[in-house]
Amino acid sequence: MTEIMKMNKFIWLLALLFVSLTACKDKEREVEEIEPEEQAEAFEEDLKEVRRDDGIVVEVEGNPELSTFATGLNAWNIGEELNDANGPFTIFAPDNNAYSTLYRDQGREVLQVNNDAIIEYHIVKGKMTADQLKQEVKKANGTYKLETMADEQLTVSVEGDKIMLKDSTGDTATVTKSDSTAQGVIHIIDKVLLPTDLKVEIKAEK
């Protein structure tokens, strides 16, 4: 009888050990399966936290007309730079067609060499809507100067109902559309504005 009891106890212990090992393996498998998802969720939350106070950049990135300009913003680490500064901001964002014209006239190397300077030249500290720009032009008797983050000026004028911007080279761009966000204003323009002392290694033939 004692031997039978010992055998039963041994079998019971084996069964308990088997259940414990199985439970551990299931737990490990569960952790392995859930952990990547939790990491992805954590990453998304971190990304949202970084972007939360940076709505104007999100607006630029979400507009398919501005995909080339958005690439330039990312290359310049615009999120970090704008977060370090006090907003709001006004961004004059060239559309994709404007960049196509720049590539044709100057070659793609113009951005590779001067991307930071060009991007900064399109950003102005403060919130300036289209109506505000028109009012400032009127008060300034026809032309109004904007100081950009590149420490160079843009000249604003009005022709009819259109807002025009003149860069340091004398070229002009037209504001085609304006959108206000909590963090500032985005004015879409039809030409890439160029600051002074632009370095171009290779000039494309027209």
Protein backbone atom coordinates (compact mmCIF):
# COMPACT_ATOMS: atom_id res chain seq x y z
CA MET A 1 0.00 0.00 0.00
CA THR A 2 2.87 2.30 0.88
CA GLU A 3 4.54 1.64 -2.46
CA ILE A 4 1.32 2.51 -4.27
CA MET A 5 1.01 5.75 -2.31
CA LYS A 6 4.63 6.64 -3.10
CA MET A 7 4.02 5.91 -6.78
CA ASN A 8 0.87 8.05 -6.83
CA LYS A 9 2.72 10.88 -5.13
CA PHE A 10 5.55 10.61 -7.63
CA ILE A 11 3.11 10.68 -10.56
CA TRP A 12 1.32 13.67 -9.04
CA LEU A 13 4.60 15.53 -8.67
CA LEU A 14 5.51 14.78 -12.28
CA ALA A 15 2.13 16.04 -13.42
CA LEU A 16 2.54 19.22 -11.39
CA LEU A 17 6.03 19.79 -12.81
CA PHE A 18 4.73 19.28 -16.36
CA VAL A 19 1.91 21.77 -15.81
CA SER A 20 4.35 24.30 -14.35
CA LEU A 21 6.78 23.96 -17.27
CA THR A 22 3.94 24.25 -19.79
CA ALA A 23 2.62 27.36 -18.06
CA CYS A 24 6.10 28.95 -18.12
CA LYS A 25 6.53 28.23 -21.83
CA ASP A 26 3.06 29.62 -22.56
CA LYS A 27 3.94 32.72 -20.56
CA GLU A 28 7.21 33.13 -22.46
CA ARG A 29 5.38 32.69 -25.75
CA GLU A 30 2.78 35.23 -24.65
CA VAL A 31 5.50 37.73 -23.73
CA GLU A 32 7.28 37.15 -27.03
CA GLU A 33 4.06 37.75 -28.93
CA ILE A 34 2.90 40.80 -26.99
CA GLU A 35 6.21 42.56 -26.42
CA PRO A 36 6.71 43.82 -30.03
CA GLU A 37 3.14 45.18 -30.03
CA GLU A 38 3.70 46.94 -26.74
CA GLN A 39 6.94 48.37 -28.07
CA ALA A 40 5.17 49.62 -31.20
CA GLU A 41 2.42 51.20 -29.10
CA ALA A 42 4.99 52.85 -26.87
CA PHE A 43 6.81 54.20 -29.93
CA GLU A 44 3.56 55.62 -31.33
CA GLU A 45 2.81 57.28 -28.00
CA ASP A 46 6.30 58.79 -27.90
CA LEU A 47 5.86 60.03 -31.48
CA LYS A 48 2.50 61.61 -30.63
CA GLU A 49 4.06 63.28 -27.61
CA VAL A 50 6.85 64.74 -29.74
CA ARG A 51 4.41 65.94 -32.40
CA ARG A 52 1.70 67.21 -30.03
CA ASP A 53 3.03 70.78 -29.88
CA ASP A 54 4.16 70.74 -33.46
CA GLY A 55 0.84 70.83 -35.35
CA ILE A 56 2.08 73.10 -38.12
CA VAL A 57 4.72 70.56 -39.15
CA VAL A 58 2.14 67.77 -39.14
CA GLU A 59 -0.05 69.89 -41.43
CA VAL A 60 2.82 70.35 -43.88
CA GLU A 61 3.68 66.65 -43.84
CA GLY A 62 0.05 65.70 -44.40
CA ASN A 63 -0.36 67.79 -47.56
CA PRO A 64 0.59 65.82 -50.72
CA GLU A 65 1.24 69.10 -52.57
CA LEU A 66 4.07 69.83 -50.14
CA SER A 67 5.82 66.45 -49.99
CA THR A 68 9.14 67.81 -51.32
CA PHE A 69 9.14 70.70 -48.85
CA ALA A 70 8.21 68.28 -46.05
CA THR A 71 11.26 66.19 -46.92
CA GLY A 72 13.38 69.30 -46.52
CA LEU A 73 11.80 70.02 -43.15
CA ASN A 74 12.68 66.53 -41.93
CA ALA A 75 16.23 66.80 -43.24
CA TRP A 76 16.60 70.02 -41.27
CA ASN A 77 15.15 68.40 -38.11
CA ILE A 78 12.42 71.03 -38.18
CA GLY A 79 10.48 69.44 -35.29
CA GLU A 80 13.40 69.80 -32.91
CA GLU A 81 14.29 73.28 -34.10
CA LEU A 82 10.74 74.64 -33.85
CA ASN A 83 10.20 73.01 -30.47
CA ASP A 84 13.30 74.77 -29.16
CA ALA A 85 12.00 78.14 -30.35
CA ASN A 86 8.90 80.02 -29.21
CA GLY A 87 6.06 79.87 -31.73
CA PRO A 88 3.77 80.38 -33.45
CA PHE A 89 5.31 80.37 -36.92
CA THR A 90 4.36 81.35 -40.44
CA ILE A 91 5.61 78.98 -43.13
CA PHE A 92 5.73 79.86 -46.82
CA ALA A 93 5.77 76.36 -48.29
CA PRO A 94 6.64 75.89 -51.98
CA ASP A 95 4.53 73.26 -53.71
CA ASN A 96 6.01 70.32 -55.60
CA ASN A 97 5.76 72.14 -58.94
CA ALA A 98 7.88 74.96 -57.51
CA TYR A 99 10.61 72.46 -56.66
CA SER A 100 10.41 70.95 -60.14
CA THR A 101 11.11 74.40 -61.56
CA LEU A 102 14.03 74.88 -59.15
CA TYR A 103 15.55 71.53 -60.18
CA ARG A 104 15.22 72.49 -63.84
CA ASP A 105 16.85 75.89 -63.36
CA GLN A 106 19.46 75.17 -60.68
CA GLY A 107 19.86 71.40 -60.53
CA ARG A 108 19.08 69.17 -57.56
CA GLU A 109 22.47 69.98 -56.06
CA VAL A 110 21.13 73.35 -54.92
CA LEU A 111 19.20 71.60 -52.15
CA GLN A 112 21.94 69.16 -51.28
CA VAL A 113 24.29 72.06 -50.60
CA ASN A 114 21.87 74.69 -49.28
CA ASN A 115 18.87 72.86 -47.84
CA ASP A 116 19.10 74.37 -44.34
CA ALA A 117 19.40 77.93 -45.59
CA ILE A 118 16.56 77.52 -48.08
CA ILE A 119 14.18 75.95 -45.55
CA GLU A 120 14.95 78.60 -42.91
CA TYR A 121 14.31 81.30 -45.52
CA HIS A 122 10.69 80.11 -45.79
CA ILE A 123 9.90 80.36 -42.07
CA VAL A 124 8.94 83.50 -40.18
CA LYS A 125 8.41 83.75 -36.46
CA GLY A 126 4.88 84.84 -35.52
CA LYS A 127 1.44 84.14 -36.95
CA MET A 128 0.69 86.11 -40.12
CA THR A 129 -2.56 85.31 -41.90
CA ALA A 130 -3.27 86.43 -45.46
CA ASP A 131 -5.46 89.28 -44.20
CA GLN A 132 -2.78 90.41 -41.76
CA LEU A 133 -0.15 90.41 -44.51
CA LYS A 134 -2.39 92.53 -46.72
CA GLN A 135 -3.02 94.97 -43.88
CA GLU A 136 0.71 95.30 -43.16
CA VAL A 137 1.45 95.92 -46.86
CA LYS A 138 -1.21 98.62 -46.93
CA LYS A 139 0.15 100.29 -43.78
CA ALA A 140 3.69 100.14 -45.23
CA ASN A 141 2.54 101.89 -48.45
CA GLY A 142 3.00 98.95 -50.80
CA THR A 143 5.81 96.73 -49.49
CA TYR A 144 6.30 95.02 -46.16
CA LYS A 145 9.49 93.33 -44.92
CA LEU A 146 9.46 89.98 -43.12
CA GLU A 147 12.47 88.76 -41.15
CA THR A 148 13.00 85.02 -41.71
CA MET A 149 14.71 82.40 -39.58
CA ALA A 150 17.60 82.63 -42.05
CA ASP A 151 18.18 86.20 -40.78
CA GLU A 152 17.29 87.51 -44.22
CA GLN A 153 14.24 89.40 -45.36
CA LEU A 154 11.37 88.67 -47.69
CA THR A 155 9.49 91.54 -49.32
CA VAL A 156 5.70 91.25 -49.34
CA SER A 157 3.47 93.12 -51.77
CA VAL A 158 -0.09 92.80 -53.08
CA GLU A 159 -1.14 92.67 -56.72
CA GLY A 160 -4.90 92.77 -57.06
CA ASP A 161 -6.04 90.21 -54.49
CA LYS A 162 -2.83 88.17 -54.63
CA ILE A 163 -0.02 88.22 -52.08
CA MET A 164 3.43 88.32 -53.66
CA LEU A 165 6.81 87.54 -52.09
CA LYS A 166 10.14 88.75 -53.45
CA ASP A 167 13.35 86.97 -52.44
CA SER A 168 16.92 88.23 -52.28
CA THR A 169 17.50 87.38 -55.96
CA GLY A 170 14.56 89.51 -57.09
CA ASP A 171 12.38 86.54 -58.06
CA THR A 172 8.76 86.57 -56.92
CA ALA A 173 6.39 83.89 -55.65
CA THR A 174 2.61 84.03 -55.35
CA VAL A 175 0.65 82.75 -52.38
CA THR A 176 -1.87 80.30 -53.85
CA LYS A 177 -3.51 79.05 -50.65
CA SER A 178 -3.39 79.74 -46.90
CA ASP A 179 -4.27 77.53 -43.94
CA SER A 180 -4.26 78.47 -40.26
CA THR A 181 -3.36 75.99 -37.53
CA ALA A 182 -3.07 76.23 -33.76
CA GLN A 183 0.70 76.63 -34.17
CA GLY A 184 0.71 79.18 -36.97
CA VAL A 185 -0.08 79.67 -40.66
CA ILE A 186 0.94 77.79 -43.80
CA HIS A 187 0.97 79.78 -47.03
CA ILE A 188 1.47 77.60 -50.11
CA ILE A 189 3.56 79.39 -52.75
CA ASP A 190 4.38 78.64 -56.38
CA LYS A 191 8.14 79.27 -56.31
CA VAL A 192 11.08 78.31 -54.11
CA LEU A 193 12.53 81.45 -52.52
CA LEU A 194 16.31 81.77 -52.47
CA PRO A 195 18.49 83.63 -49.95
CA THR A 196 21.71 85.46 -50.79
CA ASP A 197 25.12 83.79 -51.08
CA LEU A 198 23.58 80.57 -52.38
CA LYS A 199 26.16 77.94 -53.24
CA VAL A 200 25.47 75.76 -56.24
CA GLU A 201 28.11 73.21 -57.29
CA ILE A 202 26.48 72.25 -60.58
CA LYS A 203 24.06 74.39 -62.59
CA ALA A 204 21.66 72.49 -64.80
CA GLU A 205 21.13 73.59 -68.37
CA LYS A 206 17.68 74.98 -69.12
